[in-house]
């Protein structure tokens, strides 16, 4: 059976980026982990940036699959957005590469990593925006600015999942759902 060298390199690079971050990963490291010569890497990828981009594109594709799997056409907009956001952020929270990249973005501010974090956020926002547009067209929610609405939804979710637990007891999934529904769909007015 033929060994897929390209995939072997991608897997090794993914491991290296997940363990050491973008800045600390070198082509030499990836070559060692993949058990190939540096030259073999360069037959598939021009540089570390191109290899990293390949991995990030795969990650975004995987996140899209996670989000789409959470959507059930029979359920309401609220249920689908809640479930998709929860699964996406859960994925991001548990996926070693996104954890390491988040740490590197926060601690070092590596430009390439900041760009990738923006790209990941844009993918999530794009997913929500499409659902908002569809919900408006179906009459499930009022006419609104889909970009602002998706931004607020995502930021509220991030706050409830990540930011809240920095100083408080983590919220249960049901609590997050209730708070999301209250602040986004019901509001504070009586």
N, C-alpha and C. Protein backbone atom coordinates (compact mmCIF):
# COMPACT_ATOMS: atom_id res chain seq x y z
N UNK A 1 0.85 -1.18 0.00
CA UNK A 1 0.00 0.00 0.00
C UNK A 1 0.89 1.24 0.00
N UNK A 2 0.59 2.18 -0.87
CA UNK A 2 1.39 3.40 -1.00
C UNK A 2 1.09 4.35 0.16
N UNK A 3 2.14 4.95 0.65
CA UNK A 3 2.00 5.93 1.72
C UNK A 3 1.68 7.28 1.10
N UNK A 4 0.67 7.95 1.64
CA UNK A 4 0.31 9.27 1.17
C UNK A 4 1.21 10.27 1.89
N UNK A 5 2.32 10.61 1.25
CA UNK A 5 3.33 11.52 1.86
C UNK A 5 2.74 12.88 2.18
N UNK A 6 1.94 13.38 1.28
CA UNK A 6 1.34 14.70 1.51
C UNK A 6 0.52 14.71 2.80
N UNK A 7 -0.34 13.69 2.95
CA UNK A 7 -1.17 13.60 4.15
C UNK A 7 -0.31 13.36 5.39
N UNK A 8 0.73 12.59 5.24
CA UNK A 8 1.67 12.33 6.34
C UNK A 8 2.28 13.65 6.82
N UNK A 9 2.63 14.51 5.89
CA UNK A 9 3.22 15.82 6.20
C UNK A 9 2.17 16.71 6.88
N UNK A 10 0.96 16.72 6.35
CA UNK A 10 -0.12 17.53 6.93
C UNK A 10 -0.40 17.08 8.36
N UNK A 11 -0.47 15.78 8.58
CA UNK A 11 -0.72 15.26 9.93
C UNK A 11 0.40 15.65 10.89
N UNK A 12 1.63 15.54 10.44
CA UNK A 12 2.77 15.90 11.28
C UNK A 12 2.77 17.39 11.59
N UNK A 13 2.48 18.20 10.59
CA UNK A 13 2.43 19.66 10.79
C UNK A 13 1.29 20.02 11.74
N UNK A 14 0.16 19.37 11.58
CA UNK A 14 -0.97 19.62 12.47
C UNK A 14 -0.57 19.32 13.91
N UNK A 15 0.12 18.21 14.12
CA UNK A 15 0.59 17.84 15.46
C UNK A 15 1.57 18.89 16.00
N UNK A 16 2.48 19.33 15.17
CA UNK A 16 3.47 20.31 15.59
C UNK A 16 2.82 21.65 15.93
N UNK A 17 1.93 22.13 15.07
CA UNK A 17 1.23 23.39 15.34
C UNK A 17 0.38 23.27 16.61
N UNK A 18 -0.22 22.09 16.82
CA UNK A 18 -1.06 21.88 18.00
C UNK A 18 -0.24 21.84 19.29
N UNK A 19 0.96 21.31 19.21
CA UNK A 19 1.82 21.20 20.40
C UNK A 19 2.61 22.47 20.68
N UNK A 20 3.19 23.04 19.62
CA UNK A 20 4.16 24.13 19.81
C UNK A 20 3.66 25.50 19.34
N UNK A 21 2.57 25.51 18.60
CA UNK A 21 2.07 26.75 18.04
C UNK A 21 2.69 27.01 16.68
N UNK A 22 2.22 28.07 16.06
CA UNK A 22 2.69 28.42 14.72
C UNK A 22 4.13 28.91 14.75
N UNK A 23 4.40 29.85 15.63
CA UNK A 23 5.70 30.50 15.65
C UNK A 23 6.83 29.51 15.93
N UNK A 24 6.60 28.59 16.85
CA UNK A 24 7.66 27.65 17.25
C UNK A 24 7.80 26.45 16.32
N UNK A 25 6.87 26.26 15.42
CA UNK A 25 6.95 25.13 14.49
C UNK A 25 7.88 25.48 13.33
N UNK A 26 8.75 24.54 13.02
CA UNK A 26 9.66 24.72 11.88
C UNK A 26 9.46 23.59 10.88
N UNK A 27 9.92 23.82 9.67
CA UNK A 27 9.85 22.77 8.65
C UNK A 27 10.72 21.58 9.07
N UNK A 28 11.83 21.84 9.72
CA UNK A 28 12.68 20.75 10.23
C UNK A 28 11.90 19.86 11.20
N UNK A 29 11.16 20.49 12.11
CA UNK A 29 10.34 19.73 13.06
C UNK A 29 9.31 18.88 12.35
N UNK A 30 8.63 19.49 11.41
CA UNK A 30 7.59 18.77 10.66
C UNK A 30 8.21 17.59 9.92
N UNK A 31 9.36 17.81 9.31
CA UNK A 31 10.05 16.73 8.59
C UNK A 31 10.38 15.57 9.53
N UNK A 32 10.87 15.88 10.72
CA UNK A 32 11.18 14.83 11.71
C UNK A 32 9.92 14.08 12.11
N UNK A 33 8.87 14.82 12.44
CA UNK A 33 7.62 14.18 12.86
C UNK A 33 7.00 13.34 11.74
N UNK A 34 7.15 13.80 10.50
CA UNK A 34 6.58 13.07 9.35
C UNK A 34 7.50 11.95 8.88
N UNK A 35 8.73 11.96 9.40
CA UNK A 35 9.73 10.96 9.01
C UNK A 35 10.04 11.05 7.51
N UNK A 36 10.20 12.31 7.06
CA UNK A 36 10.57 12.58 5.66
C UNK A 36 11.67 13.63 5.65
N UNK A 37 12.32 13.78 4.52
CA UNK A 37 13.31 14.84 4.37
C UNK A 37 12.61 16.17 4.12
N UNK A 38 13.31 17.26 4.45
CA UNK A 38 12.75 18.60 4.21
C UNK A 38 12.36 18.79 2.75
N UNK A 39 13.16 18.26 1.86
CA UNK A 39 12.90 18.39 0.44
C UNK A 39 11.55 17.81 0.04
N UNK A 40 11.16 16.73 0.71
CA UNK A 40 9.87 16.10 0.43
C UNK A 40 8.73 17.07 0.77
N UNK A 41 8.88 17.79 1.85
CA UNK A 41 7.86 18.77 2.24
C UNK A 41 7.74 19.83 1.14
N UNK A 42 8.89 20.30 0.65
CA UNK A 42 8.88 21.36 -0.35
C UNK A 42 8.36 20.90 -1.72
N UNK A 43 8.25 19.59 -1.94
CA UNK A 43 7.62 19.13 -3.18
C UNK A 43 6.10 19.34 -3.13
N UNK A 44 5.56 19.44 -1.92
CA UNK A 44 4.12 19.63 -1.75
C UNK A 44 3.72 21.04 -1.32
N UNK A 45 4.59 21.67 -0.54
CA UNK A 45 4.27 22.98 0.01
C UNK A 45 5.45 23.93 -0.17
N UNK A 46 5.15 25.14 -0.59
CA UNK A 46 6.18 26.13 -0.87
C UNK A 46 6.91 26.57 0.42
N UNK A 47 6.14 26.65 1.52
CA UNK A 47 6.72 27.11 2.78
C UNK A 47 5.79 26.74 3.94
N UNK A 48 6.20 27.12 5.14
CA UNK A 48 5.42 26.84 6.34
C UNK A 48 4.05 27.50 6.27
N UNK A 49 3.99 28.70 5.71
CA UNK A 49 2.73 29.44 5.62
C UNK A 49 1.70 28.69 4.77
N UNK A 50 2.16 28.14 3.65
CA UNK A 50 1.26 27.41 2.77
C UNK A 50 0.76 26.12 3.46
N UNK A 51 1.64 25.46 4.17
CA UNK A 51 1.28 24.26 4.92
C UNK A 51 0.26 24.60 6.01
N UNK A 52 0.50 25.67 6.73
CA UNK A 52 -0.41 26.14 7.78
C UNK A 52 -1.77 26.48 7.19
N UNK A 53 -1.76 27.16 6.06
CA UNK A 53 -3.00 27.54 5.39
C UNK A 53 -3.82 26.30 5.01
N UNK A 54 -3.16 25.28 4.54
CA UNK A 54 -3.83 24.02 4.18
C UNK A 54 -4.53 23.43 5.41
N UNK A 55 -3.84 23.43 6.53
CA UNK A 55 -4.39 22.87 7.76
C UNK A 55 -5.58 23.70 8.24
N UNK A 56 -5.46 25.01 8.17
CA UNK A 56 -6.54 25.90 8.60
C UNK A 56 -7.76 25.75 7.70
N UNK A 57 -7.55 25.62 6.41
CA UNK A 57 -8.68 25.40 5.49
C UNK A 57 -9.40 24.09 5.81
N UNK A 58 -8.64 23.05 6.15
CA UNK A 58 -9.24 21.78 6.56
C UNK A 58 -10.02 21.95 7.86
N UNK A 59 -9.46 22.73 8.78
CA UNK A 59 -10.12 22.98 10.07
C UNK A 59 -11.44 23.72 9.86
N UNK A 60 -11.44 24.72 9.00
CA UNK A 60 -12.66 25.48 8.70
C UNK A 60 -13.71 24.58 8.05
N UNK A 61 -13.25 23.72 7.16
CA UNK A 61 -14.17 22.76 6.52
C UNK A 61 -14.78 21.84 7.58
N UNK A 62 -13.96 21.36 8.50
CA UNK A 62 -14.44 20.49 9.57
C UNK A 62 -15.44 21.24 10.48
N UNK A 63 -15.16 22.50 10.76
CA UNK A 63 -16.08 23.30 11.57
C UNK A 63 -17.41 23.49 10.85
N UNK A 64 -17.35 23.68 9.54
CA UNK A 64 -18.57 23.80 8.75
C UNK A 64 -19.42 22.53 8.82
N UNK A 65 -18.75 21.39 8.77
CA UNK A 65 -19.46 20.11 8.88
C UNK A 65 -20.11 19.97 10.25
N UNK A 66 -19.39 20.36 11.31
CA UNK A 66 -19.94 20.30 12.67
C UNK A 66 -21.19 21.18 12.76
N UNK A 67 -21.10 22.40 12.23
CA UNK A 67 -22.23 23.33 12.28
C UNK A 67 -23.41 22.81 11.47
N UNK A 68 -23.15 22.32 10.27
CA UNK A 68 -24.23 21.83 9.41
C UNK A 68 -24.90 20.59 9.98
N UNK A 69 -24.12 19.74 10.64
CA UNK A 69 -24.69 18.54 11.27
C UNK A 69 -25.64 18.91 12.41
N UNK A 70 -25.43 20.08 13.01
CA UNK A 70 -26.26 20.51 14.13
C UNK A 70 -27.62 21.04 13.67
N UNK A 71 -27.74 21.35 12.40
CA UNK A 71 -28.98 21.94 11.88
C UNK A 71 -29.96 20.85 11.48
N UNK A 72 -31.19 21.02 11.97
CA UNK A 72 -32.28 20.12 11.62
C UNK A 72 -33.38 20.99 11.01
N UNK A 73 -33.73 20.75 9.78
CA UNK A 73 -34.71 21.59 9.07
C UNK A 73 -36.07 21.65 9.77
N UNK A 74 -36.37 20.66 10.60
CA UNK A 74 -37.64 20.62 11.32
C UNK A 74 -37.65 21.57 12.53
N UNK A 75 -36.47 21.95 13.00
CA UNK A 75 -36.37 22.77 14.21
C UNK A 75 -36.41 24.26 13.87
N UNK A 76 -36.67 25.04 14.90
CA UNK A 76 -36.74 26.49 14.73
C UNK A 76 -35.35 27.09 14.52
N UNK A 77 -35.36 28.32 14.04
CA UNK A 77 -34.12 29.08 13.88
C UNK A 77 -33.34 29.11 15.19
N UNK A 78 -34.04 29.46 16.27
CA UNK A 78 -33.41 29.55 17.58
C UNK A 78 -32.73 28.23 17.97
N UNK A 79 -33.44 27.12 17.85
CA UNK A 79 -32.88 25.82 18.24
C UNK A 79 -31.65 25.48 17.39
N UNK A 80 -31.75 25.73 16.09
CA UNK A 80 -30.63 25.42 15.20
C UNK A 80 -29.41 26.29 15.47
N UNK A 81 -29.61 27.59 15.65
CA UNK A 81 -28.48 28.48 15.91
C UNK A 81 -27.85 28.14 17.25
N UNK A 82 -28.68 27.93 18.25
CA UNK A 82 -28.16 27.55 19.58
C UNK A 82 -27.31 26.28 19.48
N UNK A 83 -27.86 25.26 18.87
CA UNK A 83 -27.16 23.97 18.78
C UNK A 83 -25.88 24.10 17.96
N UNK A 84 -25.95 24.80 16.84
CA UNK A 84 -24.76 24.95 15.98
C UNK A 84 -23.67 25.76 16.68
N UNK A 85 -24.04 26.88 17.30
CA UNK A 85 -23.05 27.69 18.01
C UNK A 85 -22.42 26.92 19.15
N UNK A 86 -23.25 26.22 19.90
CA UNK A 86 -22.73 25.45 21.03
C UNK A 86 -21.73 24.40 20.54
N UNK A 87 -22.08 23.69 19.50
CA UNK A 87 -21.18 22.65 18.98
C UNK A 87 -19.90 23.24 18.38
N UNK A 88 -20.03 24.36 17.68
CA UNK A 88 -18.84 25.02 17.12
C UNK A 88 -17.89 25.48 18.21
N UNK A 89 -18.43 26.11 19.22
CA UNK A 89 -17.56 26.61 20.29
C UNK A 89 -17.04 25.48 21.15
N UNK A 90 -17.82 24.43 21.31
CA UNK A 90 -17.35 23.23 22.01
C UNK A 90 -16.19 22.60 21.22
N UNK A 91 -16.37 22.53 19.91
CA UNK A 91 -15.32 22.00 19.02
C UNK A 91 -14.05 22.82 19.17
N UNK A 92 -14.20 24.13 19.12
CA UNK A 92 -13.06 25.05 19.23
C UNK A 92 -12.39 24.93 20.60
N UNK A 93 -13.19 24.72 21.62
CA UNK A 93 -12.67 24.62 22.98
C UNK A 93 -11.91 23.32 23.21
N UNK A 94 -12.29 22.25 22.51
CA UNK A 94 -11.68 20.94 22.72
C UNK A 94 -10.63 20.58 21.68
N UNK A 95 -10.61 21.27 20.56
CA UNK A 95 -9.69 20.95 19.48
C UNK A 95 -8.31 21.53 19.82
N UNK A 96 -7.33 20.69 19.93
CA UNK A 96 -6.00 21.10 20.40
C UNK A 96 -5.38 22.22 19.57
N UNK A 97 -5.57 22.18 18.26
CA UNK A 97 -4.98 23.22 17.41
C UNK A 97 -5.60 24.58 17.71
N UNK A 98 -6.91 24.65 17.84
CA UNK A 98 -7.54 25.94 18.11
C UNK A 98 -7.19 26.44 19.51
N UNK A 99 -7.03 25.54 20.45
CA UNK A 99 -6.61 25.93 21.80
C UNK A 99 -5.23 26.58 21.75
N UNK A 100 -4.30 25.91 21.09
CA UNK A 100 -2.93 26.42 21.00
C UNK A 100 -2.88 27.74 20.24
N UNK A 101 -3.63 27.84 19.16
CA UNK A 101 -3.64 29.08 18.38
C UNK A 101 -4.25 30.23 19.18
N UNK A 102 -5.30 29.94 19.94
CA UNK A 102 -5.90 30.98 20.79
C UNK A 102 -4.89 31.48 21.82
N UNK A 103 -4.15 30.55 22.41
CA UNK A 103 -3.12 30.92 23.39
C UNK A 103 -2.04 31.78 22.73
N UNK A 104 -1.58 31.36 21.57
CA UNK A 104 -0.54 32.10 20.87
C UNK A 104 -1.02 33.49 20.45
N UNK A 105 -2.25 33.57 19.99
CA UNK A 105 -2.80 34.88 19.60
C UNK A 105 -2.85 35.80 20.82
N UNK A 106 -3.28 35.27 21.94
CA UNK A 106 -3.41 36.06 23.17
C UNK A 106 -2.05 36.43 23.75
N UNK A 107 -1.14 35.46 23.84
CA UNK A 107 0.12 35.66 24.55
C UNK A 107 1.20 36.32 23.71
N UNK A 108 1.27 35.98 22.42
CA UNK A 108 2.35 36.47 21.56
C UNK A 108 1.84 37.45 20.51
N UNK A 109 0.64 37.20 20.02
CA UNK A 109 0.09 38.07 18.98
C UNK A 109 0.76 37.87 17.63
N UNK A 110 1.17 36.64 17.35
CA UNK A 110 1.79 36.32 16.06
C UNK A 110 0.84 36.73 14.94
N UNK A 111 1.27 37.61 14.02
CA UNK A 111 0.38 38.11 12.96
C UNK A 111 -0.33 37.00 12.17
N UNK A 112 0.38 35.96 11.80
CA UNK A 112 -0.24 34.88 11.02
C UNK A 112 -1.34 34.18 11.83
N UNK A 113 -1.13 34.06 13.12
CA UNK A 113 -2.12 33.40 13.98
C UNK A 113 -3.33 34.32 14.20
N UNK A 114 -3.08 35.60 14.38
CA UNK A 114 -4.19 36.55 14.52
C UNK A 114 -5.06 36.54 13.27
N UNK A 115 -4.40 36.45 12.13
CA UNK A 115 -5.12 36.38 10.85
C UNK A 115 -5.98 35.12 10.78
N UNK A 116 -5.44 34.00 11.24
CA UNK A 116 -6.17 32.73 11.23
C UNK A 116 -7.35 32.79 12.19
N UNK A 117 -7.15 33.38 13.36
CA UNK A 117 -8.25 33.48 14.32
C UNK A 117 -9.38 34.33 13.73
N UNK A 118 -9.01 35.37 13.00
CA UNK A 118 -10.02 36.18 12.31
C UNK A 118 -10.74 35.36 11.25
N UNK A 119 -10.00 34.52 10.56
CA UNK A 119 -10.57 33.67 9.51
C UNK A 119 -11.56 32.65 10.11
N UNK A 120 -11.20 32.08 11.27
CA UNK A 120 -12.09 31.14 11.95
C UNK A 120 -13.37 31.85 12.40
N UNK A 121 -13.20 33.04 12.97
CA UNK A 121 -14.35 33.81 13.41
C UNK A 121 -15.23 34.19 12.21
N UNK A 122 -14.62 34.56 11.11
CA UNK A 122 -15.38 34.93 9.91
C UNK A 122 -16.19 33.74 9.39
N UNK A 123 -15.63 32.55 9.49
CA UNK A 123 -16.34 31.34 9.05
C UNK A 123 -17.58 31.11 9.92
N UNK A 124 -17.43 31.27 11.22
CA UNK A 124 -18.56 31.10 12.14
C UNK A 124 -19.61 32.18 11.86
N UNK A 125 -19.16 33.42 11.71
CA UNK A 125 -20.08 34.52 11.43
C UNK A 125 -20.83 34.30 10.12
N UNK A 126 -20.12 33.81 9.11
CA UNK A 126 -20.75 33.53 7.82
C UNK A 126 -21.84 32.49 7.93
N UNK A 127 -21.58 31.46 8.73
CA UNK A 127 -22.58 30.40 8.95
C UNK A 127 -23.82 30.99 9.60
N UNK A 128 -23.64 31.76 10.68
CA UNK A 128 -24.77 32.34 11.41
C UNK A 128 -25.52 33.32 10.50
N UNK A 129 -24.78 34.15 9.78
CA UNK A 129 -25.39 35.15 8.90
C UNK A 129 -26.33 34.48 7.90
N UNK A 130 -25.91 33.37 7.32
CA UNK A 130 -26.76 32.65 6.36
C UNK A 130 -28.05 32.18 7.03
N UNK A 131 -27.92 31.70 8.27
CA UNK A 131 -29.10 31.23 9.00
C UNK A 131 -30.02 32.40 9.34
N UNK A 132 -29.46 33.55 9.68
CA UNK A 132 -30.26 34.74 9.98
C UNK A 132 -31.03 35.17 8.73
N UNK A 133 -30.35 35.22 7.60
CA UNK A 133 -31.00 35.61 6.34
C UNK A 133 -32.15 34.66 6.02
N UNK A 134 -31.91 33.36 6.17
CA UNK A 134 -32.96 32.38 5.91
C UNK A 134 -34.14 32.54 6.86
N UNK A 135 -33.85 32.81 8.14
CA UNK A 135 -34.91 32.97 9.13
C UNK A 135 -35.75 34.21 8.84
N UNK A 136 -35.13 35.29 8.39
CA UNK A 136 -35.87 36.50 8.02
C UNK A 136 -36.76 36.19 6.81
N UNK A 137 -36.21 35.50 5.82
CA UNK A 137 -36.99 35.17 4.62
C UNK A 137 -38.19 34.27 4.94
N UNK A 138 -38.02 33.38 5.90
CA UNK A 138 -39.11 32.48 6.30
C UNK A 138 -40.10 33.15 7.25
N UNK A 139 -39.75 34.34 7.72
CA UNK A 139 -40.62 35.04 8.66
C UNK A 139 -40.48 34.55 10.09
N UNK A 140 -39.42 33.80 10.38
CA UNK A 140 -39.21 33.30 11.75
C UNK A 140 -38.73 34.39 12.70
N UNK A 141 -37.99 35.36 12.16
CA UNK A 141 -37.52 36.49 12.96
C UNK A 141 -37.77 37.79 12.20
N UNK A 142 -37.72 38.89 12.94
CA UNK A 142 -37.94 40.20 12.33
C UNK A 142 -36.79 40.56 11.39
N UNK A 143 -37.08 41.47 10.48
CA UNK A 143 -36.06 42.01 9.58
C UNK A 143 -34.95 42.63 10.45
N UNK A 144 -33.70 42.31 10.14
CA UNK A 144 -32.58 42.83 10.92
C UNK A 144 -31.33 42.85 10.05
N UNK A 145 -30.30 43.48 10.56
CA UNK A 145 -29.01 43.47 9.87
C UNK A 145 -28.35 42.13 10.18
N UNK A 146 -28.21 41.25 9.17
CA UNK A 146 -27.69 39.91 9.44
C UNK A 146 -26.25 39.90 9.97
N UNK A 147 -25.44 40.87 9.53
CA UNK A 147 -24.05 40.90 10.02
C UNK A 147 -23.98 41.27 11.48
N UNK A 148 -24.70 42.31 11.87
CA UNK A 148 -24.69 42.73 13.27
C UNK A 148 -25.33 41.64 14.13
N UNK A 149 -26.44 41.09 13.68
CA UNK A 149 -27.14 40.05 14.45
C UNK A 149 -26.26 38.83 14.66
N UNK A 150 -25.60 38.38 13.61
CA UNK A 150 -24.73 37.20 13.76
C UNK A 150 -23.55 37.51 14.67
N UNK A 151 -23.02 38.72 14.58
CA UNK A 151 -21.90 39.13 15.45
C UNK A 151 -22.34 39.11 16.91
N UNK A 152 -23.50 39.69 17.20
CA UNK A 152 -23.99 39.73 18.58
C UNK A 152 -24.25 38.32 19.10
N UNK A 153 -24.86 37.48 18.28
CA UNK A 153 -25.14 36.10 18.69
C UNK A 153 -23.85 35.36 19.04
N UNK A 154 -22.86 35.48 18.16
CA UNK A 154 -21.61 34.78 18.40
C UNK A 154 -20.91 35.32 19.65
N UNK A 155 -20.85 36.62 19.80
CA UNK A 155 -20.16 37.22 20.94
C UNK A 155 -20.86 36.87 22.25
N UNK A 156 -22.19 36.84 22.24
CA UNK A 156 -22.92 36.44 23.44
C UNK A 156 -22.56 35.00 23.81
N UNK A 157 -22.55 34.14 22.82
CA UNK A 157 -22.21 32.74 23.07
C UNK A 157 -20.79 32.60 23.61
N UNK A 158 -19.85 33.29 23.00
CA UNK A 158 -18.46 33.23 23.46
C UNK A 158 -18.37 33.71 24.91
N UNK A 159 -19.08 34.77 25.20
CA UNK A 159 -19.08 35.30 26.57
C UNK A 159 -19.65 34.29 27.55
N UNK A 160 -20.74 33.66 27.20
CA UNK A 160 -21.37 32.70 28.10
C UNK A 160 -20.54 31.43 28.29
N UNK A 161 -19.84 31.01 27.25
CA UNK A 161 -19.07 29.77 27.33
C UNK A 161 -17.66 30.00 27.87
N UNK A 162 -16.95 30.96 27.31
CA UNK A 162 -15.54 31.15 27.67
C UNK A 162 -15.32 32.20 28.76
N UNK A 163 -15.86 33.38 28.54
CA UNK A 163 -15.56 34.49 29.44
C UNK A 163 -16.17 34.31 30.83
N UNK A 164 -17.40 33.85 30.89
CA UNK A 164 -18.09 33.68 32.16
C UNK A 164 -17.32 32.74 33.09
N UNK A 165 -16.84 31.64 32.55
CA UNK A 165 -16.20 30.63 33.41
C UNK A 165 -14.80 31.02 33.89
N UNK A 166 -14.26 32.12 33.39
CA UNK A 166 -12.96 32.57 33.89
C UNK A 166 -13.05 32.99 35.36
N UNK A 167 -14.22 33.51 35.76
CA UNK A 167 -14.37 33.99 37.13
C UNK A 167 -15.57 33.38 37.85
N UNK A 168 -16.30 32.53 37.16
CA UNK A 168 -17.51 31.95 37.73
C UNK A 168 -17.58 30.46 37.42
N UNK A 169 -18.51 29.81 38.07
CA UNK A 169 -18.77 28.40 37.79
C UNK A 169 -19.30 28.29 36.36
N UNK A 170 -18.77 27.36 35.54
CA UNK A 170 -19.25 27.23 34.15
C UNK A 170 -20.75 26.99 34.10
N UNK A 171 -21.36 27.56 33.10
CA UNK A 171 -22.80 27.38 32.89
C UNK A 171 -23.07 26.05 32.20
N UNK A 172 -24.19 25.45 32.54
CA UNK A 172 -24.63 24.22 31.88
C UNK A 172 -25.18 24.59 30.50
N UNK A 173 -25.20 23.61 29.61
CA UNK A 173 -25.71 23.83 28.26
C UNK A 173 -27.14 24.39 28.30
N UNK A 174 -27.99 23.85 29.19
CA UNK A 174 -29.38 24.32 29.28
C UNK A 174 -29.44 25.78 29.74
N UNK A 175 -28.56 26.15 30.67
CA UNK A 175 -28.53 27.55 31.13
C UNK A 175 -28.12 28.48 29.99
N UNK A 176 -27.13 28.07 29.22
CA UNK A 176 -26.67 28.87 28.09
C UNK A 176 -27.81 29.04 27.10
N UNK A 177 -28.51 27.97 26.84
CA UNK A 177 -29.64 28.02 25.91
C UNK A 177 -30.71 28.99 26.41
N UNK A 178 -31.05 28.91 27.69
CA UNK A 178 -32.06 29.80 28.27
C UNK A 178 -31.61 31.26 28.19
N UNK A 179 -30.37 31.53 28.54
CA UNK A 179 -29.85 32.91 28.50
C UNK A 179 -29.82 33.44 27.07
N UNK A 180 -29.40 32.60 26.14
CA UNK A 180 -29.35 32.99 24.73
C UNK A 180 -30.76 33.34 24.25
N UNK A 181 -31.71 32.48 24.55
CA UNK A 181 -33.09 32.72 24.14
C UNK A 181 -33.62 34.01 24.79
N UNK A 182 -33.33 34.20 26.07
CA UNK A 182 -33.81 35.37 26.78
C UNK A 182 -33.25 36.66 26.18
N UNK A 183 -31.94 36.75 26.04
CA UNK A 183 -31.33 38.00 25.59
C UNK A 183 -31.51 38.27 24.09
N UNK A 184 -31.54 37.23 23.29
CA UNK A 184 -31.66 37.42 21.84
C UNK A 184 -33.12 37.46 21.39
N UNK A 185 -33.94 36.57 21.91
CA UNK A 185 -35.29 36.44 21.37
C UNK A 185 -36.39 37.08 22.20
N UNK A 186 -36.20 37.14 23.51
CA UNK A 186 -37.26 37.69 24.35
C UNK A 186 -36.96 39.11 24.80
N UNK A 187 -35.74 39.36 25.22
CA UNK A 187 -35.37 40.71 25.65
C UNK A 187 -35.70 40.99 27.09
N UNK A 188 -35.31 42.13 27.54
CA UNK A 188 -35.46 42.52 28.94
C UNK A 188 -36.79 43.20 29.24
N UNK A 189 -37.46 43.71 28.22
CA UNK A 189 -38.70 44.46 28.49
C UNK A 189 -39.81 43.55 28.95
N UNK A 190 -40.73 44.13 29.68
CA UNK A 190 -41.87 43.34 30.22
C UNK A 190 -43.01 43.32 29.24
